[in-house]
Amino acid sequence: MKPILVLNGPNLNLLGKRQPEIYGSATLDDVNEAIARLAGELNVSVDCRQSNHEGQLVDWLHEAREGASAVIINAGAYTHTSIALRDAVLALSVPVIEVHLSNIYARDEFRKHSYLSGVVHGTIAGFGVQSYLLALRATQLLVSGSKP
């Protein structure tokens, strides 16, 4: 089976340092390690990546068309601004789950709109690092043919 691609957008490289009262104290390395541990338990492979650049995220989504069994994406601020990411997700035939550490619907008004939520299989938000792990469990069910 092809790996599940986990994409992290802008500023997620600063996890644990940037606004820990909102995003928690876990670093991106901590998140990736938790994902890898759970992936081992679920017997799936993952490929975790991060970029602050929208075009790089689009390129990785294009690669996922043939190189991934599913995508988990935390697009960060691009969630609220990027039609390019939305279009790249629309070009995929594999399951995509949107993830957010914080509950974006309980924050600033502009954060309540996601360009991705209408084109992904589901959105998980507000559970910190657990948001990723819940998404990985759901993704594993989707790629195995089960319904989460």
N, C-alpha and C. Protein backbone atom coordinates (compact mmCIF):
# COMPACT_ATOMS: atom_id res chain seq x y z
N MET A 1 0.84 -1.18 0.00
CA MET A 1 0.00 0.00 0.00
C MET A 1 0.89 1.24 0.00
N LYS A 2 0.46 2.23 -0.74
CA LYS A 2 1.18 3.50 -0.79
C LYS A 2 1.04 4.22 0.56
N PRO A 3 2.01 5.07 0.87
CA PRO A 3 1.93 5.77 2.17
C PRO A 3 0.78 6.78 2.22
N ILE A 4 0.39 7.09 3.43
CA ILE A 4 -0.53 8.20 3.69
C ILE A 4 0.33 9.44 3.83
N LEU A 5 0.06 10.43 3.01
CA LEU A 5 0.83 11.66 3.02
C LEU A 5 0.23 12.61 4.05
N VAL A 6 1.07 13.09 4.96
CA VAL A 6 0.64 14.05 5.99
C VAL A 6 1.34 15.37 5.68
N LEU A 7 0.53 16.37 5.28
CA LEU A 7 1.08 17.66 4.90
C LEU A 7 0.76 18.71 5.95
N ASN A 8 1.79 19.48 6.30
CA ASN A 8 1.66 20.58 7.25
C ASN A 8 2.08 21.86 6.58
N GLY A 9 1.25 22.89 6.71
CA GLY A 9 1.49 24.16 6.05
C GLY A 9 2.26 25.16 6.88
N PRO A 10 2.08 26.44 6.57
CA PRO A 10 2.91 27.49 7.14
C PRO A 10 2.82 27.61 8.65
N ASN A 11 3.97 27.87 9.22
CA ASN A 11 4.17 28.12 10.65
C ASN A 11 4.05 26.88 11.53
N LEU A 12 3.70 25.75 10.95
CA LEU A 12 3.61 24.55 11.79
C LEU A 12 4.99 24.05 12.21
N ASN A 13 6.03 24.51 11.54
CA ASN A 13 7.39 24.23 11.99
C ASN A 13 7.69 24.92 13.32
N LEU A 14 6.84 25.87 13.73
CA LEU A 14 7.03 26.60 14.98
C LEU A 14 6.18 26.04 16.13
N LEU A 15 5.55 24.89 15.90
CA LEU A 15 4.74 24.31 16.98
C LEU A 15 5.57 24.16 18.25
N GLY A 16 4.94 24.42 19.38
CA GLY A 16 5.62 24.36 20.66
C GLY A 16 6.25 25.68 21.06
N LYS A 17 6.45 26.55 20.08
CA LYS A 17 7.05 27.86 20.33
C LYS A 17 6.07 28.99 20.06
N ARG A 18 5.23 28.82 19.06
CA ARG A 18 4.29 29.87 18.63
C ARG A 18 2.93 29.65 19.26
N GLN A 19 2.49 30.58 20.07
CA GLN A 19 1.18 30.56 20.71
C GLN A 19 0.83 29.19 21.31
N PRO A 20 1.64 28.72 22.27
CA PRO A 20 1.35 27.41 22.86
C PRO A 20 0.01 27.38 23.59
N GLU A 21 -0.51 28.54 23.99
CA GLU A 21 -1.82 28.58 24.64
C GLU A 21 -2.93 28.19 23.67
N ILE A 22 -2.67 28.30 22.37
CA ILE A 22 -3.65 27.90 21.35
C ILE A 22 -3.28 26.55 20.75
N TYR A 23 -2.00 26.38 20.40
CA TYR A 23 -1.58 25.20 19.63
C TYR A 23 -0.93 24.12 20.47
N GLY A 24 -0.70 24.38 21.75
CA GLY A 24 -0.09 23.39 22.62
C GLY A 24 1.42 23.47 22.64
N SER A 25 2.02 22.62 23.46
CA SER A 25 3.47 22.65 23.64
C SER A 25 4.20 21.60 22.81
N ALA A 26 3.47 20.71 22.15
CA ALA A 26 4.11 19.68 21.32
C ALA A 26 4.75 20.34 20.10
N THR A 27 5.93 19.87 19.73
CA THR A 27 6.60 20.35 18.53
C THR A 27 6.11 19.54 17.33
N LEU A 28 6.46 19.99 16.14
CA LEU A 28 6.10 19.22 14.95
C LEU A 28 6.78 17.86 14.96
N ASP A 29 8.00 17.78 15.48
CA ASP A 29 8.66 16.48 15.62
C ASP A 29 7.85 15.56 16.54
N ASP A 30 7.32 16.11 17.63
CA ASP A 30 6.48 15.32 18.54
C ASP A 30 5.24 14.80 17.81
N VAL A 31 4.62 15.68 17.01
CA VAL A 31 3.43 15.29 16.25
C VAL A 31 3.79 14.17 15.28
N ASN A 32 4.88 14.35 14.54
CA ASN A 32 5.28 13.34 13.56
C ASN A 32 5.62 12.00 14.22
N GLU A 33 6.24 12.05 15.39
CA GLU A 33 6.55 10.81 16.12
C GLU A 33 5.28 10.11 16.58
N ALA A 34 4.29 10.86 17.05
CA ALA A 34 3.01 10.27 17.46
C ALA A 34 2.31 9.64 16.27
N ILE A 35 2.35 10.32 15.14
CA ILE A 35 1.75 9.78 13.91
C ILE A 35 2.45 8.50 13.50
N ALA A 36 3.77 8.49 13.53
CA ALA A 36 4.54 7.30 13.14
C ALA A 36 4.25 6.12 14.07
N ARG A 37 4.14 6.39 15.37
CA ARG A 37 3.82 5.30 16.32
C ARG A 37 2.46 4.68 16.00
N LEU A 38 1.46 5.54 15.81
CA LEU A 38 0.13 5.03 15.51
C LEU A 38 0.10 4.33 14.16
N ALA A 39 0.81 4.86 13.19
CA ALA A 39 0.87 4.22 11.87
C ALA A 39 1.41 2.80 12.01
N GLY A 40 2.42 2.62 12.86
CA GLY A 40 2.95 1.27 13.11
C GLY A 40 1.89 0.35 13.68
N GLU A 41 1.12 0.85 14.64
CA GLU A 41 0.05 0.05 15.24
C GLU A 41 -1.04 -0.30 14.22
N LEU A 42 -1.32 0.63 13.31
CA LEU A 42 -2.36 0.42 12.30
C LEU A 42 -1.85 -0.31 11.06
N ASN A 43 -0.53 -0.55 11.04
CA ASN A 43 0.11 -1.23 9.92
C ASN A 43 -0.05 -0.46 8.60
N VAL A 44 0.15 0.86 8.67
CA VAL A 44 0.17 1.72 7.49
C VAL A 44 1.46 2.52 7.50
N SER A 45 1.87 2.97 6.35
CA SER A 45 3.06 3.83 6.30
C SER A 45 2.61 5.28 6.09
N VAL A 46 3.40 6.19 6.62
CA VAL A 46 3.12 7.61 6.51
C VAL A 46 4.35 8.34 6.01
N ASP A 47 4.11 9.45 5.37
CA ASP A 47 5.16 10.33 4.88
C ASP A 47 4.77 11.73 5.34
N CYS A 48 5.44 12.24 6.37
CA CYS A 48 5.11 13.55 6.95
C CYS A 48 6.01 14.63 6.37
N ARG A 49 5.38 15.72 5.93
CA ARG A 49 6.12 16.84 5.33
C ARG A 49 5.56 18.16 5.82
N GLN A 50 6.41 19.19 5.78
CA GLN A 50 5.98 20.55 6.17
C GLN A 50 6.62 21.55 5.22
N SER A 51 5.84 22.55 4.83
CA SER A 51 6.38 23.66 4.05
C SER A 51 5.63 24.93 4.39
N ASN A 52 6.35 26.04 4.36
CA ASN A 52 5.75 27.35 4.52
C ASN A 52 5.32 27.93 3.18
N HIS A 53 5.53 27.17 2.10
CA HIS A 53 5.30 27.68 0.75
C HIS A 53 4.11 26.99 0.09
N GLU A 54 3.16 27.78 -0.33
CA GLU A 54 1.93 27.27 -0.93
C GLU A 54 2.21 26.40 -2.15
N GLY A 55 3.10 26.85 -3.03
CA GLY A 55 3.41 26.10 -4.24
C GLY A 55 3.98 24.73 -3.94
N GLN A 56 4.79 24.62 -2.89
CA GLN A 56 5.34 23.32 -2.51
C GLN A 56 4.23 22.38 -2.07
N LEU A 57 3.28 22.90 -1.30
CA LEU A 57 2.15 22.08 -0.86
C LEU A 57 1.32 21.61 -2.06
N VAL A 58 1.11 22.50 -3.03
CA VAL A 58 0.39 22.13 -4.25
C VAL A 58 1.15 21.03 -4.99
N ASP A 59 2.46 21.19 -5.12
CA ASP A 59 3.27 20.16 -5.80
C ASP A 59 3.15 18.81 -5.09
N TRP A 60 3.19 18.81 -3.76
CA TRP A 60 3.05 17.55 -3.03
C TRP A 60 1.67 16.93 -3.21
N LEU A 61 0.64 17.76 -3.27
CA LEU A 61 -0.70 17.23 -3.54
C LEU A 61 -0.76 16.62 -4.94
N HIS A 62 -0.09 17.24 -5.90
CA HIS A 62 -0.04 16.65 -7.24
C HIS A 62 0.67 15.30 -7.22
N GLU A 63 1.75 15.20 -6.47
CA GLU A 63 2.47 13.92 -6.33
C GLU A 63 1.57 12.85 -5.72
N ALA A 64 0.69 13.26 -4.82
CA ALA A 64 -0.18 12.31 -4.12
C ALA A 64 -1.15 11.62 -5.07
N ARG A 65 -1.40 12.22 -6.23
CA ARG A 65 -2.31 11.61 -7.20
C ARG A 65 -1.89 10.18 -7.51
N GLU A 66 -0.58 9.93 -7.58
CA GLU A 66 -0.09 8.59 -7.92
C GLU A 66 0.74 7.98 -6.80
N GLY A 67 1.18 8.80 -5.85
CA GLY A 67 2.14 8.31 -4.88
C GLY A 67 1.64 8.12 -3.46
N ALA A 68 0.34 8.35 -3.22
CA ALA A 68 -0.18 8.23 -1.86
C ALA A 68 -1.52 7.50 -1.88
N SER A 69 -1.82 6.83 -0.79
CA SER A 69 -3.12 6.17 -0.68
C SER A 69 -4.17 7.11 -0.09
N ALA A 70 -3.71 8.19 0.55
CA ALA A 70 -4.60 9.19 1.15
C ALA A 70 -3.75 10.38 1.58
N VAL A 71 -4.43 11.47 1.94
CA VAL A 71 -3.73 12.67 2.40
C VAL A 71 -4.42 13.19 3.66
N ILE A 72 -3.61 13.54 4.63
CA ILE A 72 -4.05 14.29 5.81
C ILE A 72 -3.36 15.64 5.68
N ILE A 73 -4.14 16.72 5.74
CA ILE A 73 -3.55 18.05 5.53
C ILE A 73 -3.98 19.03 6.60
N ASN A 74 -2.98 19.68 7.18
CA ASN A 74 -3.18 20.86 8.01
C ASN A 74 -2.56 22.00 7.21
N ALA A 75 -3.38 22.71 6.49
CA ALA A 75 -2.88 23.77 5.60
C ALA A 75 -2.58 25.06 6.34
N GLY A 76 -2.75 25.07 7.67
CA GLY A 76 -2.49 26.29 8.43
C GLY A 76 -3.31 27.43 7.88
N ALA A 77 -2.72 28.60 7.80
CA ALA A 77 -3.43 29.79 7.34
C ALA A 77 -3.91 29.67 5.90
N TYR A 78 -3.26 28.82 5.10
CA TYR A 78 -3.72 28.63 3.72
C TYR A 78 -5.12 28.02 3.66
N THR A 79 -5.56 27.41 4.75
CA THR A 79 -6.93 26.90 4.83
C THR A 79 -7.93 27.99 4.47
N HIS A 80 -7.65 29.20 4.90
CA HIS A 80 -8.59 30.31 4.80
C HIS A 80 -8.35 31.20 3.58
N THR A 81 -7.32 30.88 2.79
CA THR A 81 -6.95 31.79 1.70
C THR A 81 -6.69 31.11 0.36
N SER A 82 -6.43 29.81 0.34
CA SER A 82 -5.86 29.21 -0.87
C SER A 82 -6.85 28.44 -1.73
N ILE A 83 -7.21 29.08 -2.82
CA ILE A 83 -8.01 28.39 -3.84
C ILE A 83 -7.11 27.38 -4.56
N ALA A 84 -5.82 27.67 -4.66
CA ALA A 84 -4.88 26.76 -5.32
C ALA A 84 -4.84 25.41 -4.59
N LEU A 85 -4.81 25.42 -3.27
CA LEU A 85 -4.82 24.15 -2.52
C LEU A 85 -6.15 23.44 -2.71
N ARG A 86 -7.24 24.18 -2.70
CA ARG A 86 -8.56 23.58 -2.94
C ARG A 86 -8.59 22.89 -4.29
N ASP A 87 -8.09 23.57 -5.33
CA ASP A 87 -8.09 22.98 -6.66
C ASP A 87 -7.20 21.74 -6.73
N ALA A 88 -6.07 21.77 -6.03
CA ALA A 88 -5.18 20.60 -6.01
C ALA A 88 -5.86 19.42 -5.31
N VAL A 89 -6.60 19.68 -4.24
CA VAL A 89 -7.34 18.62 -3.55
C VAL A 89 -8.43 18.07 -4.47
N LEU A 90 -9.10 18.95 -5.19
CA LEU A 90 -10.14 18.50 -6.12
C LEU A 90 -9.60 17.58 -7.21
N ALA A 91 -8.32 17.71 -7.53
CA ALA A 91 -7.71 16.88 -8.57
C ALA A 91 -7.34 15.49 -8.07
N LEU A 92 -7.54 15.23 -6.78
CA LEU A 92 -7.17 13.94 -6.20
C LEU A 92 -8.34 12.96 -6.23
N SER A 93 -8.02 11.70 -6.37
CA SER A 93 -9.04 10.66 -6.27
C SER A 93 -8.88 9.87 -4.97
N VAL A 94 -7.87 10.19 -4.19
CA VAL A 94 -7.65 9.52 -2.91
C VAL A 94 -8.34 10.30 -1.80
N PRO A 95 -8.65 9.64 -0.69
CA PRO A 95 -9.28 10.36 0.44
C PRO A 95 -8.38 11.45 1.00
N VAL A 96 -8.99 12.56 1.40
CA VAL A 96 -8.27 13.67 2.01
C VAL A 96 -9.03 14.08 3.27
N ILE A 97 -8.29 14.22 4.36
CA ILE A 97 -8.86 14.70 5.62
C ILE A 97 -8.12 15.96 6.04
N GLU A 98 -8.89 16.99 6.36
CA GLU A 98 -8.36 18.27 6.84
C GLU A 98 -8.25 18.21 8.36
N VAL A 99 -7.14 18.71 8.87
CA VAL A 99 -6.87 18.66 10.31
C VAL A 99 -6.48 20.05 10.80
N HIS A 100 -6.92 20.35 12.02
CA HIS A 100 -6.48 21.57 12.72
C HIS A 100 -6.28 21.24 14.18
N LEU A 101 -5.22 21.77 14.76
CA LEU A 101 -4.95 21.57 16.18
C LEU A 101 -5.99 22.27 17.04
N SER A 102 -6.32 23.51 16.66
CA SER A 102 -7.29 24.29 17.42
C SER A 102 -8.66 24.18 16.76
N ASN A 103 -9.69 24.59 17.48
CA ASN A 103 -11.03 24.63 16.91
C ASN A 103 -11.16 25.94 16.14
N ILE A 104 -10.95 25.87 14.83
CA ILE A 104 -10.95 27.08 14.01
C ILE A 104 -12.31 27.76 14.01
N TYR A 105 -13.37 27.02 14.33
CA TYR A 105 -14.72 27.58 14.32
C TYR A 105 -15.03 28.36 15.61
N ALA A 106 -14.13 28.31 16.58
CA ALA A 106 -14.31 29.04 17.83
C ALA A 106 -13.28 30.18 17.96
N ARG A 107 -12.69 30.53 16.82
CA ARG A 107 -11.64 31.56 16.84
C ARG A 107 -12.06 32.77 16.03
N ASP A 108 -11.10 33.49 15.50
CA ASP A 108 -11.37 34.69 14.70
C ASP A 108 -12.36 34.37 13.59
N GLU A 109 -13.15 35.37 13.26
CA GLU A 109 -14.19 35.17 12.23
C GLU A 109 -13.59 34.66 10.91
N PHE A 110 -12.44 35.22 10.49
CA PHE A 110 -11.86 34.81 9.21
C PHE A 110 -11.40 33.36 9.23
N ARG A 111 -11.13 32.80 10.40
CA ARG A 111 -10.68 31.40 10.49
C ARG A 111 -11.84 30.41 10.36
N LYS A 112 -13.05 30.89 10.44
CA LYS A 112 -14.21 30.00 10.38
C LYS A 112 -14.51 29.53 8.97
N HIS A 113 -13.88 30.13 7.98
CA HIS A 113 -14.08 29.71 6.60
C HIS A 113 -12.88 28.89 6.14
N SER A 114 -13.15 27.71 5.61
CA SER A 114 -12.12 26.86 5.05
C SER A 114 -12.41 26.62 3.58
N TYR A 115 -11.44 26.91 2.74
CA TYR A 115 -11.57 26.59 1.33
C TYR A 115 -11.48 25.08 1.09
N LEU A 116 -10.99 24.34 2.07
CA LEU A 116 -10.80 22.90 1.90
C LEU A 116 -11.99 22.07 2.38
N SER A 117 -12.68 22.54 3.40
CA SER A 117 -13.68 21.68 4.05
C SER A 117 -14.76 21.16 3.11
N GLY A 118 -15.09 21.91 2.08
CA GLY A 118 -16.11 21.46 1.15
C GLY A 118 -15.66 20.43 0.14
N VAL A 119 -14.36 20.15 0.08
CA VAL A 119 -13.84 19.21 -0.92
C VAL A 119 -13.05 18.05 -0.32
N VAL A 120 -13.02 17.97 1.01
CA VAL A 120 -12.32 16.86 1.67
C VAL A 120 -13.36 15.87 2.21
N HIS A 121 -12.88 14.69 2.59
CA HIS A 121 -13.79 13.68 3.14
C HIS A 121 -14.28 14.04 4.53
N GLY A 122 -13.48 14.80 5.27
CA GLY A 122 -13.87 15.21 6.60
C GLY A 122 -12.87 16.19 7.18
N THR A 123 -13.28 16.86 8.24
CA THR A 123 -12.44 17.82 8.94
C THR A 123 -12.43 17.48 10.42
N ILE A 124 -11.24 17.45 11.01
CA ILE A 124 -11.10 17.20 12.44
C ILE A 124 -10.35 18.39 13.02
N ALA A 125 -10.96 19.05 14.00
CA ALA A 125 -10.37 20.27 14.55
C ALA A 125 -10.62 20.35 16.05
N GLY A 126 -9.63 20.91 16.75
CA GLY A 126 -9.83 21.25 18.14
C GLY A 126 -9.31 20.27 19.16
N PHE A 127 -8.64 19.22 18.73
CA PHE A 127 -8.18 18.19 19.66
C PHE A 127 -6.66 18.13 19.79
N GLY A 128 -5.98 19.21 19.41
CA GLY A 128 -4.53 19.24 19.52
C GLY A 128 -3.90 18.14 18.68
N VAL A 129 -2.85 17.52 19.20
CA VAL A 129 -2.16 16.44 18.49
C VAL A 129 -3.12 15.29 18.18
N GLN A 130 -4.10 15.08 19.04
CA GLN A 130 -5.07 14.01 18.82
C GLN A 130 -5.84 14.20 17.51
N SER A 131 -5.96 15.43 17.03
CA SER A 131 -6.64 15.67 15.75
C SER A 131 -5.96 14.86 14.64
N TYR A 132 -4.63 14.85 14.64
CA TYR A 132 -3.89 14.09 13.63
C TYR A 132 -4.12 12.59 13.80
N LEU A 133 -4.13 12.13 15.04
CA LEU A 133 -4.28 10.69 15.28
C LEU A 133 -5.69 10.22 14.94
N LEU A 134 -6.68 11.04 15.24
CA LEU A 134 -8.04 10.73 14.82
C LEU A 134 -8.13 10.68 13.30
N ALA A 135 -7.49 11.62 12.65
CA ALA A 135 -7.48 11.65 11.18
C ALA A 135 -6.79 10.42 10.62
N LEU A 136 -5.70 10.00 11.23
CA LEU A 136 -5.00 8.81 10.75
C LEU A 136 -5.87 7.57 10.90
N ARG A 137 -6.57 7.45 12.01
CA ARG A 137 -7.48 6.31 12.20
C ARG A 137 -8.59 6.32 11.14
N ALA A 138 -9.16 7.50 10.91
CA ALA A 138 -10.23 7.62 9.90
C ALA A 138 -9.68 7.31 8.51
N THR A 139 -8.50 7.80 8.22
CA THR A 139 -7.89 7.57 6.91
C THR A 139 -7.62 6.09 6.69
N GLN A 140 -7.12 5.43 7.72
CA GLN A 140 -6.86 4.00 7.60
C GLN A 140 -8.14 3.25 7.28
N LEU A 141 -9.24 3.64 7.90
CA LEU A 141 -10.54 3.01 7.59
C LEU A 141 -10.95 3.30 6.13
N LEU A 142 -10.77 4.53 5.71
CA LEU A 142 -11.13 4.89 4.33
C LEU A 142 -10.34 4.10 3.29
N VAL A 143 -9.04 3.98 3.51
CA VAL A 143 -8.21 3.28 2.50
C VAL A 143 -8.42 1.77 2.56
N SER A 144 -8.92 1.26 3.68
CA SER A 144 -9.20 -0.17 3.77
C SER A 144 -10.58 -0.52 3.23
N GLY A 145 -11.34 0.52 2.86
CA GLY A 145 -12.67 0.28 2.32
C GLY A 145 -13.79 0.33 3.32
N SER A 146 -13.45 0.60 4.58
CA SER A 146 -14.47 0.73 5.63
C SER A 146 -14.93 2.18 5.70
N LYS A 147 -16.04 2.38 6.36
CA LYS A 147 -16.51 3.76 6.59
C LYS A 147 -16.16 4.12 8.03
N PRO A 148 -15.54 5.31 8.22
CA PRO A 148 -15.22 5.71 9.60
C PRO A 148 -16.47 5.99 10.41
